[in-house]
Protein backbone atom coordinates (compact mmCIF):
# COMPACT_ATOMS: atom_id res chain seq x y z
CA UNK A 1 0.00 0.00 0.00
CA UNK A 2 2.98 2.27 0.51
CA UNK A 3 3.07 3.58 -3.11
CA UNK A 4 -0.55 4.73 -2.79
CA UNK A 5 -0.22 6.54 0.53
CA UNK A 6 1.49 9.88 0.86
CA UNK A 7 3.51 10.80 3.94
CA UNK A 8 1.43 11.64 6.97
CA UNK A 9 -1.59 9.70 5.72
CA UNK A 10 -2.69 6.49 7.42
CA UNK A 11 -3.04 3.90 4.66
CA UNK A 12 -4.37 1.18 6.94
CA UNK A 13 -7.07 3.49 8.29
CA UNK A 14 -8.17 4.17 4.72
CA UNK A 15 -8.05 0.47 3.84
CA UNK A 16 -10.29 -0.60 6.72
CA UNK A 17 -12.63 2.31 6.14
CA UNK A 18 -12.93 1.31 2.48
CA UNK A 19 -13.70 -2.30 3.44
CA UNK A 20 -16.47 -1.23 5.82
CA UNK A 21 -17.99 1.14 3.27
CA UNK A 22 -17.88 -1.46 0.51
CA UNK A 23 -19.42 -4.07 2.82
CA UNK A 24 -22.25 -1.69 3.60
CA UNK A 25 -22.87 -0.29 0.13
CA UNK A 26 -22.04 -2.89 -2.51
CA UNK A 27 -24.09 -6.02 -2.97
CA UNK A 28 -21.89 -9.07 -3.44
CA UNK A 29 -18.84 -7.46 -1.88
CA UNK A 30 -18.87 -9.92 1.02
CA UNK A 31 -18.29 -12.85 -1.33
CA UNK A 32 -15.50 -11.06 -3.17
CA UNK A 33 -13.65 -10.03 -0.01
CA UNK A 34 -14.11 -13.54 1.42
CA UNK A 35 -12.44 -14.93 -1.71
CA UNK A 36 -9.55 -12.48 -1.31
CA UNK A 37 -9.13 -13.36 2.36
CA UNK A 38 -9.34 -17.09 1.57
CA UNK A 39 -6.68 -16.69 -1.14
CA UNK A 40 -4.36 -14.93 1.33
CA UNK A 41 -4.98 -17.63 3.94
CA UNK A 42 -4.41 -20.43 1.39
CA UNK A 43 -1.08 -18.93 0.34
CA UNK A 44 0.10 -18.63 3.95
CA UNK A 45 -1.08 -22.19 4.67
CA UNK A 46 0.95 -23.52 1.71
CA UNK A 47 4.05 -21.76 3.05
CA UNK A 48 3.42 -23.23 6.52
CA UNK A 49 2.91 -26.73 5.09
CA UNK A 50 6.22 -26.43 3.28
CA UNK A 51 7.94 -25.25 6.48
CA UNK A 52 6.54 -28.29 8.32
CA UNK A 53 7.58 -30.62 5.49
CA UNK A 54 11.15 -29.26 5.47
CA UNK A 55 11.20 -29.41 9.29
CA UNK A 56 11.81 -25.66 9.61
CA UNK A 57 8.94 -25.51 12.09
CA UNK A 58 7.41 -28.10 14.39
CA UNK A 59 4.73 -30.49 13.15
CA UNK A 60 1.69 -28.37 13.92
CA UNK A 61 -1.77 -27.90 12.44
CA UNK A 62 -0.91 -25.89 9.31
CA UNK A 63 -4.38 -24.39 9.10
CA UNK A 64 -4.21 -23.04 12.65
CA UNK A 65 -0.71 -21.65 12.20
CA UNK A 66 -1.78 -19.95 8.96
CA UNK A 67 -4.75 -18.35 10.71
CA UNK A 68 -2.54 -17.13 13.56
CA UNK A 69 0.02 -15.60 11.20
CA UNK A 70 -2.66 -13.84 9.19
CA UNK A 71 -4.47 -12.65 12.32
CA UNK A 72 -1.27 -11.23 13.79
CA UNK A 73 -0.90 -9.02 10.72
CA UNK A 74 -4.57 -8.10 10.37
CA UNK A 75 -4.96 -7.46 14.11
CA UNK A 76 -1.88 -5.24 14.27
CA UNK A 77 -2.90 -3.41 11.10
CA UNK A 78 -6.42 -2.78 12.43
CA UNK A 79 -5.22 -1.61 15.84
CA UNK A 80 -2.60 0.69 14.35
CA UNK A 81 -5.10 2.08 11.83
CA UNK A 82 -6.32 4.21 14.74
CA UNK A 83 -2.83 5.59 15.29
CA UNK A 84 -0.19 6.28 12.65
CA UNK A 85 -0.47 2.99 10.79
CA UNK A 86 1.53 -0.21 10.99
CA UNK A 87 5.25 -0.22 10.31
CA UNK A 88 7.11 -3.13 8.72
CA UNK A 89 9.40 -3.29 11.75
CA UNK A 90 6.46 -3.57 14.12
CA UNK A 91 4.74 -6.43 12.33
CA UNK A 92 8.07 -8.18 11.79
CA UNK A 93 8.69 -8.11 15.54
CA UNK A 94 5.32 -9.75 16.27
CA UNK A 95 5.63 -12.34 13.50
CA UNK A 96 9.20 -13.25 14.53
CA UNK A 97 8.05 -13.72 18.12
CA UNK A 98 5.47 -16.25 16.94
CA UNK A 99 7.94 -17.87 14.54
CA UNK A 100 10.44 -18.39 17.36
CA UNK A 101 7.74 -20.23 19.31
CA UNK A 102 6.92 -22.65 16.45
CA UNK A 103 10.36 -23.22 14.91
CA UNK A 104 12.36 -26.39 15.54
């Protein structure tokens, strides 16, 4: 989103606001956003399955790990949308904390 947000503007605030407005005003949007979210989740799950297969992380439920990873990002992004927006360093810190828990 960085290329579309000028300095001083909260891109995540705009993103969540847009989602809520589209949900409220556009018929069929729910199905489209569900498909986008499911695609994101499926991609993360495939990465987690590969990490389990290569023994990078412990043998865990790939679906649950994928949900947790996605929710860490989405939760942080939503919370920070009320402040200045989420930084890469911030989300990296949270994701690395979780990764260190699940790695071998």
